[in-house]
Every structure is written in structure tokens, then in C-alpha cells.
Amino acid sequence: MKKWRFVVGLSVLLAQEDTVRAWKVEGLFGLQAAQTALSNWQAGGQNQTGLGTQHRLSITRTYLRHTWNLEYTGQYGVLRVVPQRTWRKTQDFLLVVSQYKYALSARWALSVLMDGRTQWAPTYEYIGDSVIRPAKSAFLAPFYGQFSLGVLYRILEGWRVTLSPISGRMTHVRLGYLADAGAFGLKPARRDSVGEIVSPARRTLWELGARLTSRLNLSPVSGLLLSHFLDVFYGYSSSLHNPVILSQLQAAYKLKSWLAITLAQQAIYDPRVDNSKQALQLLTAWSLGVTWQAEYPKR
């Protein structure tokens, strides 16, 4: 009787700042792997292998009253449970946020905010070891893009809140069969009495509304790095009691100079989803791994 379990992780923390050119670069990269192997193990269980990665990159350029920031956040993970031959996704997320700010005072600024959100790979249903096609979602199916104009207020050095009374939101579905089915809030295709498509659905839905965003990048205690993005969108054409909400959290705590715990958590609430039970989506992933941190120029 034997049982063994192997877990390994790798995280990379980067910080770079050029005071002459006013460029600032920050990054986080985490890689985790886990495997469980059982042989005549009476307590039960299954052989499995898991791989995952989470990453974040932020670039900021400051010149006089002008500040531009580009931030990327991504996650991807897969799992294989023996005797299944297929690898199945456990996490999949891609978010890019770009913001321009023109400072009015030490705390207030005008803001132009753009962002896009999608996933890396297709999502399938499984029955046993069989893959049920076609995919339920895929890269750019859906893609959520937003553009907004507003006013930014700096609460703390690393915490900024933006209110945008003028905001546009786009939902694009690259795959025609998903758009025709009315997935992700789109209007479905028009069909005749026997179910044949008379007029294909539009693959892009445009909305106008108001938006509240919060961006937090702090190190409250030594060794702890926190990054959080909150986005609340109210569509003017829909009920104000049903906003679309996105919450994205990444944290890294250094236990030692070379060892850290990383946590990634996401929550998405979209009341336009046909099945109300699927309106709230939650994802949490964490890893323990080796870290590396660099800073340039050195203080």
C-alpha cells in the first residue's frame, strides 16, 4: 500500500522603475503543479495531475499631469484524473485594462478607461472520457469590451476610484452558432416554424450606461502585495437593480525572501444570463512556490 503526493509551484515578482523617464513596471508570475498517485490505497481517492498558471503585468508612464497605465491579468489551469485521457480546464481568464489620467489636483483627475475580457481556450462538456462538441465558449466568444469617460479620485496612494456617467459596453461572440442561440445576452436568430434560421443573429451587442471602477495596488505590510480590480456597470436600457459586476483579486505574501503564497480570486455577476443559477460565477486558485523579486534602479 502506498500513496504519494507531489506539489510544486513557482512565482516571480517583478518591480522596475526608471525615475528619469517616469516608467514603472510591476509583474507577478505563478506556476503550480500537483500530482497524486495511489496504489491499493484503502481510504479511496483518484490518481490525478494538475497544472496551472497565474500572471499579472502592469506598465505605468507618468509625464507632468499625464499618466497612462496598461495592466494585464491572466489565469489558466488544467486537470487530468486517471483513467480519463482528457485534460480539463480548471481556470481560464484574460483581462486587459488601459487607463489615461489627466491630473486636476493631487487627488482628482479626468479619466479615459478601456478594457477587454475573454478566455484563452474553448470550454466543453464531458461525459466520461468523451468530449461533447461544439464548445460552450471560446476565445473571443464571448469578448466583453468597455470604454468610459469620467472622473477619478485617489483615496490612497495605491487606491483609485473612477465614476463614469458615460460608458459603453460591447459584448461580442465570435462563434456564429452561439450568437444564433442567443448566448451571453445576445438576441437569438430569427427562425421559421421548422426551426430553420431565417435571419442570423448579430454577433455584437452595444450598451450605454454608467460605470464605477476601483483599482487597488497596495502593500499594507512588509512582504504582502495586493492587487484588486472592481467594475460595476449599470446599463441605461436595463434595470438599475441588476448591474453587471466584475471583481478580480490577486495577492502574494512572501513567507521568506524566496518563498511566497499567491492567491487569485474572481467573481462575475451578470443578471442577463438566461439561467439565473449561472448569474454568479466564482473562481479561487492559490499556490505555494518559489519567488524572485527584482527592482531597477536599486535604491
C-alpha atoms as a PDB file:
ATOM      1  CA  MET A   1       0.000   0.000   0.000  1.00  0.00           C
ATOM      2  CA  LYS A   2       1.447   3.352  -0.973  1.00  0.00           C
ATOM      3  CA  LYS A   3       0.318   6.897  -1.532  1.00  0.00           C
ATOM      4  CA  TRP A   4       2.347   9.891  -2.586  1.00  0.00           C
ATOM      5  CA  ARG A   5       1.538  13.433  -3.473  1.00  0.00           C
ATOM      6  CA  PHE A   6       3.793  15.962  -5.161  1.00  0.00           C
ATOM      7  CA  VAL A   7       3.167  19.696  -5.261  1.00  0.00           C
ATOM      8  CA  VAL A   8       5.465  22.333  -6.700  1.00  0.00           C
ATOM      9  CA  GLY A   9       4.969  25.988  -7.508  1.00  0.00           C
ATOM     10  CA  LEU A  10       6.902  28.879  -8.954  1.00  0.00           C
ATOM     11  CA  SER A  11       6.096  32.558  -8.594  1.00  0.00           C
ATOM     12  CA  VAL A  12       8.014  35.513  -9.959  1.00  0.00           C
ATOM     13  CA  LEU A  13       7.532  39.058  -8.652  1.00  0.00           C
ATOM     14  CA  LEU A  14       8.966  41.907 -10.689  1.00  0.00           C
ATOM     15  CA  ALA A  15       9.228  45.600  -9.933  1.00  0.00           C
ATOM     16  CA  GLN A  16      11.095  48.098 -12.065  1.00  0.00           C
ATOM     17  CA  GLU A  17      11.072  51.885 -12.001  1.00  0.00           C
ATOM     18  CA  ASP A  18      13.007  54.421 -14.029  1.00  0.00           C
ATOM     19  CA  THR A  19      12.788  57.752 -12.193  1.00  0.00           C
ATOM     20  CA  VAL A  20      14.276  59.693 -15.123  1.00  0.00           C
ATOM     21  CA  ARG A  21      11.759  58.533 -17.728  1.00  0.00           C
ATOM     22  CA  ALA A  22       8.959  58.043 -15.161  1.00  0.00           C
ATOM     23  CA  TRP A  23       8.281  54.454 -16.239  1.00  0.00           C
ATOM     24  CA  LYS A  24       7.129  51.858 -13.692  1.00  0.00           C
ATOM     25  CA  VAL A  25       6.829  48.122 -14.388  1.00  0.00           C
ATOM     26  CA  GLU A  26       5.387  45.549 -11.969  1.00  0.00           C
ATOM     27  CA  GLY A  27       4.732  41.876 -12.521  1.00  0.00           C
ATOM     28  CA  LEU A  28       3.620  38.642 -10.895  1.00  0.00           C
ATOM     29  CA  PHE A  29       4.003  35.166 -12.342  1.00  0.00           C
ATOM     30  CA  GLY A  30       2.898  31.982 -10.586  1.00  0.00           C
ATOM     31  CA  LEU A  31       3.184  28.382 -11.749  1.00  0.00           C
ATOM     32  CA  GLN A  32       1.783  25.459  -9.813  1.00  0.00           C
ATOM     33  CA  ALA A  33       1.766  21.713 -10.403  1.00  0.00           C
ATOM     34  CA  ALA A  34       0.287  18.877  -8.343  1.00  0.00           C
ATOM     35  CA  GLN A  35       0.133  15.104  -8.682  1.00  0.00           C
ATOM     36  CA  THR A  36      -1.452  12.341  -6.611  1.00  0.00           C
ATOM     37  CA  ALA A  37      -0.624   8.644  -7.198  1.00  0.00           C
ATOM     38  CA  LEU A  38      -2.404   5.804  -5.376  1.00  0.00           C
ATOM     39  CA  SER A  39      -1.676   2.094  -5.207  1.00  0.00           C
ATOM     40  CA  ASN A  40      -4.012  -0.174  -3.180  1.00  0.00           C
ATOM     41  CA  TRP A  41      -4.964   2.834  -1.068  1.00  0.00           C
ATOM     42  CA  GLN A  42      -7.882   1.666   1.098  1.00  0.00           C
ATOM     43  CA  ALA A  43      -9.110   5.164   2.030  1.00  0.00           C
ATOM     44  CA  GLY A  44     -10.007   5.839  -1.602  1.00  0.00           C
ATOM     45  CA  GLY A  45      -9.129   8.608  -3.996  1.00  0.00           C
ATOM     46  CA  GLN A  46      -8.105   9.043  -7.622  1.00  0.00           C
ATOM     47  CA  ASN A  47      -4.817   9.468  -9.449  1.00  0.00           C
ATOM     48  CA  GLN A  48      -4.602  12.978 -10.874  1.00  0.00           C
ATOM     49  CA  THR A  49      -2.248  15.561 -12.287  1.00  0.00           C
ATOM     50  CA  GLY A  50      -2.885  19.306 -12.300  1.00  0.00           C
ATOM     51  CA  LEU A  51      -1.110  22.282 -13.848  1.00  0.00           C
ATOM     52  CA  GLY A  52      -1.893  25.964 -13.508  1.00  0.00           C
ATOM     53  CA  THR A  53      -0.506  29.434 -14.004  1.00  0.00           C
ATOM     54  CA  GLN A  54      -1.499  32.940 -12.945  1.00  0.00           C
ATOM     55  CA  HIS A  55       0.171  36.145 -14.063  1.00  0.00           C
ATOM     56  CA  ARG A  56      -0.090  39.922 -13.935  1.00  0.00           C
ATOM     57  CA  LEU A  57       1.853  42.698 -15.665  1.00  0.00           C
ATOM     58  CA  SER A  58       1.424  46.440 -15.094  1.00  0.00           C
ATOM     59  CA  ILE A  59       3.153  49.246 -17.038  1.00  0.00           C
ATOM     60  CA  THR A  60       2.760  52.892 -15.994  1.00  0.00           C
ATOM     61  CA  ARG A  61       4.072  56.011 -17.741  1.00  0.00           C
ATOM     62  CA  THR A  62       3.935  59.402 -15.981  1.00  0.00           C
ATOM     63  CA  TYR A  63       4.775  62.779 -17.539  1.00  0.00           C
ATOM     64  CA  LEU A  64       3.807  66.039 -15.829  1.00  0.00           C
ATOM     65  CA  ARG A  65      -0.011  65.837 -15.368  1.00  0.00           C
ATOM     66  CA  HIS A  66      -0.402  62.868 -17.740  1.00  0.00           C
ATOM     67  CA  THR A  67      -0.432  59.226 -16.596  1.00  0.00           C
ATOM     68  CA  TRP A  68      -1.022  56.151 -18.726  1.00  0.00           C
ATOM     69  CA  ASN A  69      -1.350  52.640 -17.322  1.00  0.00           C
ATOM     70  CA  LEU A  70      -1.677  49.271 -19.062  1.00  0.00           C
ATOM     71  CA  GLU A  71      -2.418  46.219 -16.936  1.00  0.00           C
ATOM     72  CA  TYR A  72      -2.794  42.570 -17.956  1.00  0.00           C
ATOM     73  CA  THR A  73      -4.113  39.750 -15.746  1.00  0.00           C
ATOM     74  CA  GLY A  74      -4.442  36.116 -16.777  1.00  0.00           C
ATOM     75  CA  GLN A  75      -5.032  32.622 -15.422  1.00  0.00           C
ATOM     76  CA  TYR A  76      -5.089  29.160 -16.926  1.00  0.00           C
ATOM     77  CA  GLY A  77      -5.182  25.691 -15.379  1.00  0.00           C
ATOM     78  CA  VAL A  78      -5.871  22.092 -16.412  1.00  0.00           C
ATOM     79  CA  LEU A  79      -6.505  18.800 -14.588  1.00  0.00           C
ATOM     80  CA  ARG A  80      -6.328  15.153 -15.643  1.00  0.00           C
ATOM     81  CA  VAL A  81      -7.945  12.471 -13.485  1.00  0.00           C
ATOM     82  CA  VAL A  82      -6.954   8.855 -14.235  1.00  0.00           C
ATOM     83  CA  PRO A  83      -8.335   6.810 -16.033  1.00  0.00           C
ATOM     84  CA  GLN A  84      -9.615   9.740 -18.108  1.00  0.00           C
ATOM     85  CA  ARG A  85      -7.386  10.578 -21.063  1.00  0.00           C
ATOM     86  CA  THR A  86      -8.541  14.180 -21.463  1.00  0.00           C
ATOM     87  CA  TRP A  87      -7.166  17.298 -19.806  1.00  0.00           C
ATOM     88  CA  ARG A  88      -9.928  19.546 -18.497  1.00  0.00           C
ATOM     89  CA  LYS A  89      -9.790  23.214 -17.648  1.00  0.00           C
ATOM     90  CA  THR A  90      -9.920  24.325 -14.033  1.00  0.00           C
ATOM     91  CA  GLN A  91      -9.412  28.070 -14.609  1.00  0.00           C
ATOM     92  CA  ASP A  92      -9.327  30.345 -17.653  1.00  0.00           C
ATOM     93  CA  PHE A  93      -9.333  34.146 -17.611  1.00  0.00           C
ATOM     94  CA  LEU A  94      -7.842  37.069 -19.547  1.00  0.00           C
ATOM     95  CA  LEU A  95      -8.286  40.753 -18.661  1.00  0.00           C
ATOM     96  CA  VAL A  96      -6.559  43.825 -20.163  1.00  0.00           C
ATOM     97  CA  VAL A  97      -7.171  47.305 -18.725  1.00  0.00           C
ATOM     98  CA  SER A  98      -5.797  50.586 -20.142  1.00  0.00           C
ATOM     99  CA  GLN A  99      -6.350  53.940 -18.427  1.00  0.00           C
ATOM    100  CA  TYR A 100      -5.295  57.512 -19.200  1.00  0.00           C
ATOM    101  CA  LYS A 101      -5.475  60.171 -16.478  1.00  0.00           C
ATOM    102  CA  TYR A 102      -5.040  63.934 -16.574  1.00  0.00           C
ATOM    103  CA  ALA A 103      -4.404  65.287 -13.079  1.00  0.00           C
ATOM    104  CA  LEU A 104      -6.597  68.181 -11.934  1.00  0.00           C
ATOM    105  CA  SER A 105      -5.166  68.200  -8.398  1.00  0.00           C
ATOM    106  CA  ALA A 106      -3.302  65.890  -6.037  1.00  0.00           C
ATOM    107  CA  ARG A 107      -6.366  63.638  -5.709  1.00  0.00           C
ATOM    108  CA  TRP A 108      -8.671  64.414  -8.659  1.00  0.00           C
ATOM    109  CA  ALA A 109      -8.169  63.594 -12.353  1.00  0.00           C
ATOM    110  CA  LEU A 110     -10.039  63.198 -15.609  1.00  0.00           C
ATOM    111  CA  SER A 111     -10.051  59.590 -16.798  1.00  0.00           C
ATOM    112  CA  VAL A 112     -10.396  57.622 -20.024  1.00  0.00           C
ATOM    113  CA  LEU A 113     -10.719  53.889 -19.357  1.00  0.00           C
ATOM    114  CA  MET A 114     -10.748  50.970 -21.803  1.00  0.00           C
ATOM    115  CA  ASP A 115     -10.671  47.246 -21.069  1.00  0.00           C
ATOM    116  CA  GLY A 116     -11.330  43.859 -22.622  1.00  0.00           C
ATOM    117  CA  ARG A 117     -12.130  40.475 -21.060  1.00  0.00           C
ATOM    118  CA  THR A 118     -12.269  36.985 -22.572  1.00  0.00           C
ATOM    119  CA  GLN A 119     -10.785  33.484 -22.120  1.00  0.00           C
ATOM    120  CA  TRP A 120      -7.863  31.548 -23.604  1.00  0.00           C
ATOM    121  CA  ALA A 121      -9.288  28.189 -24.723  1.00  0.00           C
ATOM    122  CA  PRO A 122     -12.629  26.513 -25.609  1.00  0.00           C
ATOM    123  CA  THR A 123     -14.918  25.170 -22.882  1.00  0.00           C
ATOM    124  CA  TYR A 124     -16.552  21.759 -23.411  1.00  0.00           C
ATOM    125  CA  GLU A 125     -18.910  19.430 -21.599  1.00  0.00           C
ATOM    126  CA  TYR A 126     -17.716  15.908 -20.778  1.00  0.00           C
ATOM    127  CA  ILE A 127     -19.459  12.556 -20.422  1.00  0.00           C
ATOM    128  CA  GLY A 128     -16.963  10.059 -19.078  1.00  0.00           C
ATOM    129  CA  ASP A 129     -13.939  10.421 -21.330  1.00  0.00           C
ATOM    130  CA  SER A 130     -15.934  11.801 -24.267  1.00  0.00           C
ATOM    131  CA  VAL A 131     -15.806  15.463 -25.259  1.00  0.00           C
ATOM    132  CA  ILE A 132     -19.185  16.946 -26.178  1.00  0.00           C
ATOM    133  CA  ARG A 133     -18.796  19.399 -29.055  1.00  0.00           C
ATOM    134  CA  PRO A 134     -19.270  22.157 -30.081  1.00  0.00           C
ATOM    135  CA  ALA A 135     -17.726  24.376 -27.415  1.00  0.00           C
ATOM    136  CA  LYS A 136     -19.920  26.277 -24.949  1.00  0.00           C
ATOM    137  CA  SER A 137     -17.490  29.222 -25.046  1.00  0.00           C
ATOM    138  CA  ALA A 138     -14.078  30.016 -26.530  1.00  0.00           C
ATOM    139  CA  PHE A 139     -11.529  32.756 -27.196  1.00  0.00           C
ATOM    140  CA  LEU A 140     -13.478  35.948 -28.084  1.00  0.00           C
ATOM    141  CA  ALA A 141     -16.716  34.020 -27.567  1.00  0.00           C
ATOM    142  CA  PRO A 142     -17.610  35.950 -25.582  1.00  0.00           C
ATOM    143  CA  PHE A 143     -15.480  39.099 -25.543  1.00  0.00           C
ATOM    144  CA  TYR A 144     -16.526  41.959 -23.269  1.00  0.00           C
ATOM    145  CA  GLY A 145     -15.103  45.376 -24.115  1.00  0.00           C
ATOM    146  CA  GLN A 146     -15.770  48.683 -22.361  1.00  0.00           C
ATOM    147  CA  PHE A 147     -14.941  52.333 -22.912  1.00  0.00           C
ATOM    148  CA  SER A 148     -15.731  55.092 -20.424  1.00  0.00           C
ATOM    149  CA  LEU A 149     -15.118  58.768 -19.644  1.00  0.00           C
ATOM    150  CA  GLY A 150     -15.240  60.020 -16.087  1.00  0.00           C
ATOM    151  CA  VAL A 151     -13.625  61.491 -13.005  1.00  0.00           C
ATOM    152  CA  LEU A 152     -11.025  59.700 -10.887  1.00  0.00           C
ATOM    153  CA  TYR A 153     -10.485  60.200  -7.160  1.00  0.00           C
ATOM    154  CA  ARG A 154      -7.379  58.937  -5.363  1.00  0.00           C
ATOM    155  CA  ILE A 155      -8.390  57.670  -1.920  1.00  0.00           C
ATOM    156  CA  LEU A 156      -4.931  56.354  -1.031  1.00  0.00           C
ATOM    157  CA  GLU A 157      -1.604  56.240  -2.838  1.00  0.00           C
ATOM    158  CA  GLY A 158      -2.463  52.886  -4.379  1.00  0.00           C
ATOM    159  CA  TRP A 159      -6.267  53.080  -4.395  1.00  0.00           C
ATOM    160  CA  ARG A 160      -8.199  54.946  -7.099  1.00  0.00           C
ATOM    161  CA  VAL A 161     -11.939  55.071  -7.772  1.00  0.00           C
ATOM    162  CA  THR A 162     -13.403  56.235 -11.100  1.00  0.00           C
ATOM    163  CA  LEU A 163     -17.004  57.292 -11.743  1.00  0.00           C
ATOM    164  CA  SER A 164     -18.009  57.344 -15.420  1.00  0.00           C
ATOM    165  CA  PRO A 165     -21.542  58.595 -16.254  1.00  0.00           C
ATOM    166  CA  ILE A 166     -20.775  57.975 -19.941  1.00  0.00           C
ATOM    167  CA  SER A 167     -19.750  54.384 -20.573  1.00  0.00           C
ATOM    168  CA  GLY A 168     -20.131  51.994 -23.493  1.00  0.00           C
ATOM    169  CA  ARG A 169     -20.134  48.203 -23.199  1.00  0.00           C
ATOM    170  CA  MET A 170     -19.739  45.719 -26.043  1.00  0.00           C
ATOM    171  CA  THR A 171     -20.473  42.004 -25.963  1.00  0.00           C
ATOM    172  CA  HIS A 172     -19.057  40.149 -28.983  1.00  0.00           C
ATOM    173  CA  VAL A 173     -19.485  36.437 -29.728  1.00  0.00           C
ATOM    174  CA  ARG A 174     -17.076  35.195 -32.390  1.00  0.00           C
ATOM    175  CA  LEU A 175     -18.812  31.840 -32.946  1.00  0.00           C
ATOM    176  CA  GLY A 176     -21.969  32.066 -35.047  1.00  0.00           C
ATOM    177  CA  TYR A 177     -23.830  29.108 -33.514  1.00  0.00           C
ATOM    178  CA  LEU A 178     -23.517  30.638 -30.032  1.00  0.00           C
ATOM    179  CA  ALA A 179     -24.739  34.024 -31.283  1.00  0.00           C
ATOM    180  CA  ASP A 180     -27.681  32.392 -33.105  1.00  0.00           C
ATOM    181  CA  ALA A 181     -28.653  30.627 -29.864  1.00  0.00           C
ATOM    182  CA  GLY A 182     -28.751  33.970 -28.023  1.00  0.00           C
ATOM    183  CA  ALA A 183     -25.845  33.159 -25.721  1.00  0.00           C
ATOM    184  CA  PHE A 184     -24.303  35.744 -23.369  1.00  0.00           C
ATOM    185  CA  GLY A 185     -27.198  38.178 -23.573  1.00  0.00           C
ATOM    186  CA  LEU A 186     -27.407  38.480 -27.386  1.00  0.00           C
ATOM    187  CA  LYS A 187     -30.719  38.380 -29.226  1.00  0.00           C
ATOM    188  CA  PRO A 188     -31.130  34.935 -30.868  1.00  0.00           C
ATOM    189  CA  ALA A 189     -31.511  34.390 -34.601  1.00  0.00           C
ATOM    190  CA  ARG A 190     -34.964  34.503 -36.201  1.00  0.00           C
ATOM    191  CA  ARG A 191     -36.202  31.041 -37.152  1.00  0.00           C
ATOM    192  CA  ASP A 192     -39.140  29.726 -39.167  1.00  0.00           C
ATOM    193  CA  SER A 193     -41.781  27.262 -37.982  1.00  0.00           C
ATOM    194  CA  VAL A 194     -39.498  24.260 -38.535  1.00  0.00           C
ATOM    195  CA  GLY A 195     -36.535  25.816 -36.760  1.00  0.00           C
ATOM    196  CA  GLU A 196     -34.507  26.898 -39.778  1.00  0.00           C
ATOM    197  CA  ILE A 197     -32.638  30.201 -39.434  1.00  0.00           C
ATOM    198  CA  VAL A 198     -34.321  32.981 -41.388  1.00  0.00           C
ATOM    199  CA  SER A 199     -32.065  35.803 -40.198  1.00  0.00           C
ATOM    200  CA  PRO A 200     -28.764  35.173 -38.349  1.00  0.00           C
ATOM    201  CA  ALA A 201     -28.223  36.883 -35.024  1.00  0.00           C
ATOM    202  CA  ARG A 202     -25.981  39.896 -34.659  1.00  0.00           C
ATOM    203  CA  ARG A 203     -22.755  38.823 -33.024  1.00  0.00           C
ATOM    204  CA  THR A 204     -22.204  42.139 -31.244  1.00  0.00           C
ATOM    205  CA  LEU A 205     -24.387  43.835 -28.632  1.00  0.00           C
ATOM    206  CA  TRP A 206     -23.798  47.505 -27.744  1.00  0.00           C
ATOM    207  CA  GLU A 207     -24.962  49.075 -24.484  1.00  0.00           C
ATOM    208  CA  LEU A 208     -24.780  52.572 -22.989  1.00  0.00           C
ATOM    209  CA  GLY A 209     -24.655  53.102 -19.257  1.00  0.00           C
ATOM    210  CA  ALA A 210     -22.782  54.352 -16.189  1.00  0.00           C
ATOM    211  CA  ARG A 211     -19.754  52.726 -14.623  1.00  0.00           C
ATOM    212  CA  LEU A 212     -17.937  52.639 -11.299  1.00  0.00           C
ATOM    213  CA  THR A 213     -14.439  51.151 -11.128  1.00  0.00           C
ATOM    214  CA  SER A 214     -11.976  50.689  -8.280  1.00  0.00           C
ATOM    215  CA  ARG A 215      -8.293  49.789  -8.708  1.00  0.00           C
ATOM    216  CA  LEU A 216      -6.233  48.862  -5.673  1.00  0.00           C
ATOM    217  CA  ASN A 217      -2.492  48.174  -5.622  1.00  0.00           C
ATOM    218  CA  LEU A 218      -1.116  48.158  -2.098  1.00  0.00           C
ATOM    219  CA  SER A 219       1.498  46.616   0.182  1.00  0.00           C
ATOM    220  CA  PRO A 220      -0.168  47.065   3.614  1.00  0.00           C
ATOM    221  CA  VAL A 221       2.509  45.096   5.472  1.00  0.00           C
ATOM    222  CA  SER A 222       6.004  44.022   4.588  1.00  0.00           C
ATOM    223  CA  GLY A 223       6.002  41.119   2.139  1.00  0.00           C
ATOM    224  CA  LEU A 224       2.300  41.366   1.171  1.00  0.00           C
ATOM    225  CA  LEU A 225       1.311  42.608  -2.307  1.00  0.00           C
ATOM    226  CA  LEU A 226      -2.378  43.154  -3.111  1.00  0.00           C
ATOM    227  CA  SER A 227      -3.989  43.937  -6.472  1.00  0.00           C
ATOM    228  CA  HIS A 228      -7.762  44.301  -6.871  1.00  0.00           C
ATOM    229  CA  PHE A 229      -9.969  45.488  -9.734  1.00  0.00           C
ATOM    230  CA  LEU A 230     -13.703  46.104  -9.256  1.00  0.00           C
ATOM    231  CA  ASP A 231     -16.028  47.031 -12.119  1.00  0.00           C
ATOM    232  CA  VAL A 232     -19.757  47.830 -11.765  1.00  0.00           C
ATOM    233  CA  PHE A 233     -21.726  48.653 -14.951  1.00  0.00           C
ATOM    234  CA  TYR A 234     -25.327  49.932 -14.989  1.00  0.00           C
ATOM    235  CA  GLY A 235     -26.996  49.795 -18.390  1.00  0.00           C
ATOM    236  CA  TYR A 236     -29.367  52.687 -19.026  1.00  0.00           C
ATOM    237  CA  SER A 237     -31.600  50.385 -21.069  1.00  0.00           C
ATOM    238  CA  SER A 238     -31.968  47.856 -18.220  1.00  0.00           C
ATOM    239  CA  SER A 239     -32.974  47.936 -14.577  1.00  0.00           C
ATOM    240  CA  LEU A 240     -30.582  49.755 -12.248  1.00  0.00           C
ATOM    241  CA  HIS A 241     -31.158  46.964  -9.740  1.00  0.00           C
ATOM    242  CA  ASN A 242     -29.344  44.495 -11.996  1.00  0.00           C
ATOM    243  CA  PRO A 243     -25.779  45.709 -12.574  1.00  0.00           C
ATOM    244  CA  VAL A 244     -23.007  43.661 -14.186  1.00  0.00           C
ATOM    245  CA  ILE A 245     -20.210  43.250 -11.609  1.00  0.00           C
ATOM    246  CA  LEU A 246     -16.643  42.002 -12.005  1.00  0.00           C
ATOM    247  CA  SER A 247     -14.207  41.523  -9.108  1.00  0.00           C
ATOM    248  CA  GLN A 248     -10.595  40.444  -9.686  1.00  0.00           C
ATOM    249  CA  LEU A 249      -8.164  39.896  -6.770  1.00  0.00           C
ATOM    250  CA  GLN A 250      -4.531  38.792  -6.787  1.00  0.00           C
ATOM    251  CA  ALA A 251      -2.355  38.597  -3.674  1.00  0.00           C
ATOM    252  CA  ALA A 252       1.169  37.411  -2.928  1.00  0.00           C
ATOM    253  CA  TYR A 253       2.629  37.036   0.565  1.00  0.00           C
ATOM    254  CA  LYS A 254       6.334  36.377   0.971  1.00  0.00           C
ATOM    255  CA  LEU A 255       6.993  33.898   3.775  1.00  0.00           C
ATOM    256  CA  LYS A 256      10.728  34.190   3.142  1.00  0.00           C
ATOM    257  CA  SER A 257      12.851  36.033   0.625  1.00  0.00           C
ATOM    258  CA  TRP A 258      12.417  33.111  -1.804  1.00  0.00           C
ATOM    259  CA  LEU A 259       9.058  31.593  -0.750  1.00  0.00           C
ATOM    260  CA  ALA A 260       5.538  33.041  -1.191  1.00  0.00           C
ATOM    261  CA  ILE A 261       1.852  32.157  -1.207  1.00  0.00           C
ATOM    262  CA  THR A 262      -0.147  33.508  -4.168  1.00  0.00           C
ATOM    263  CA  LEU A 263      -3.927  33.796  -4.310  1.00  0.00           C
ATOM    264  CA  ALA A 264      -6.204  34.639  -7.251  1.00  0.00           C
ATOM    265  CA  GLN A 265      -9.936  35.094  -6.824  1.00  0.00           C
ATOM    266  CA  GLN A 266     -12.581  36.246  -9.305  1.00  0.00           C
ATOM    267  CA  ALA A 267     -16.295  36.905  -9.093  1.00  0.00           C
ATOM    268  CA  ILE A 268     -18.584  37.764 -12.022  1.00  0.00           C
ATOM    269  CA  TYR A 269     -22.258  38.646 -11.658  1.00  0.00           C
ATOM    270  CA  ASP A 270     -24.244  39.026 -14.884  1.00  0.00           C
ATOM    271  CA  PRO A 271     -28.049  39.062 -14.432  1.00  0.00           C
ATOM    272  CA  ARG A 272     -28.614  38.831 -18.188  1.00  0.00           C
ATOM    273  CA  VAL A 273     -27.645  35.157 -18.234  1.00  0.00           C
ATOM    274  CA  ASP A 274     -30.733  33.110 -19.151  1.00  0.00           C
ATOM    275  CA  ASN A 275     -30.213  30.612 -16.342  1.00  0.00           C
ATOM    276  CA  SER A 276     -30.404  32.628 -13.113  1.00  0.00           C
ATOM    277  CA  LYS A 277     -28.402  29.959 -11.280  1.00  0.00           C
ATOM    278  CA  GLN A 278     -25.422  30.800 -13.515  1.00  0.00           C
ATOM    279  CA  ALA A 279     -25.628  34.574 -13.000  1.00  0.00           C
ATOM    280  CA  LEU A 280     -22.946  34.451 -10.285  1.00  0.00           C
ATOM    281  CA  GLN A 281     -19.580  32.900 -11.214  1.00  0.00           C
ATOM    282  CA  LEU A 282     -16.783  32.340  -8.675  1.00  0.00           C
ATOM    283  CA  LEU A 283     -13.189  31.156  -9.064  1.00  0.00           C
ATOM    284  CA  THR A 284     -10.416  30.790  -6.448  1.00  0.00           C
ATOM    285  CA  ALA A 285      -6.894  29.484  -7.030  1.00  0.00           C
ATOM    286  CA  TRP A 286      -3.835  29.549  -4.785  1.00  0.00           C
ATOM    287  CA  SER A 287      -0.300  28.200  -4.831  1.00  0.00           C
ATOM    288  CA  LEU A 288       2.803  27.963  -2.667  1.00  0.00           C
ATOM    289  CA  GLY A 289       6.017  28.478  -4.551  1.00  0.00           C
ATOM    290  CA  VAL A 290       9.473  29.937  -5.005  1.00  0.00           C
ATOM    291  CA  THR A 291       9.625  33.683  -5.688  1.00  0.00           C
ATOM    292  CA  TRP A 292      12.057  36.086  -7.279  1.00  0.00           C
ATOM    293  CA  GLN A 293      11.870  39.863  -6.961  1.00  0.00           C
ATOM    294  CA  ALA A 294      13.917  42.472  -8.809  1.00  0.00           C
ATOM    295  CA  GLU A 295      13.993  46.263  -8.723  1.00  0.00           C
ATOM    296  CA  TYR A 296      15.742  48.692 -11.038  1.00  0.00           C
ATOM    297  CA  PRO A 297      17.347  51.051 -10.353  1.00  0.00           C
ATOM    298  CA  LYS A 298      18.223  49.737  -6.911  1.00  0.00           C
ATOM    299  CA  ARG A 299      17.618  52.065  -4.025  1.00  0.00           C
END
